[in-house]
């Protein structure tokens, strides 16, 4: 995972023309596969939960590093926690075969919405709170209001690594999202397939009735409530004896 901050706007120049052609083309294209994630007892679901926890802990760590007199109030943290209560959390596994024939995985994580540093008025963020779009990005989200969607952040982060040469084109993308994938994000995934020669499969956690507490959506919703309290009160899992400091995970993680 790379960590330049995600720009709030981006310029379109000659390099963006291929994506614009794809975006507005009337030629029929294969829809990106979107499948339900119903089983909460899977590694894929556990990684959604872990991604949410990483973001909570990253904010707590960031706030702890600020002098006490300049830290945001518990009320401000409560507002951020409330916003994140309904945010989409997502993670993505990019898989390719290297020159020696070995299967390689790279994991990306994102949470929808503006960065917490901007929401808390801090003017600074730390990884993994700073997803990036490459200066020469050519994929274009159809709805500008969707720029901060978790799925868009993931695609831009992977695109940046491809353009920088740290991962090759033509791999396989598996993306898991905590909520339904919108049409704009699905369209961006189709662009990504065509521009970078990848295959993309997206998984979404379908909504479930509140009367079904065992459903994946209900279990994730319950975990969000716990995260809401931890963020509001400034308590990290590290402080609770959990998985340690929430620094970015460039780690390899199979689907």
Foldseek 3Di string as FASTA:
>chain_A
DDFDFADLDADDDPLQVVQVCLLPPPDDDDFAAEAADWACPDPQNVVQLVLLQLLLLQVLVVQVVDPPVPGFALVLLLVVLVVQLPKKKKKKWWWDADPVRDIFIWMDIFIFDQQVCVSRVNPDGAPPRGQYADNSDRQDQPDSVCCRHGLNSRLRNVVNCCVVPVDDFQTEMEMEMAADDDPRSSSSVSSSCVVRVYHYHYYYHYDDDCVCCNTSNNVSSVSSVVSSVCSSVSHHVVNVVHDDRSHDDRDGDDD
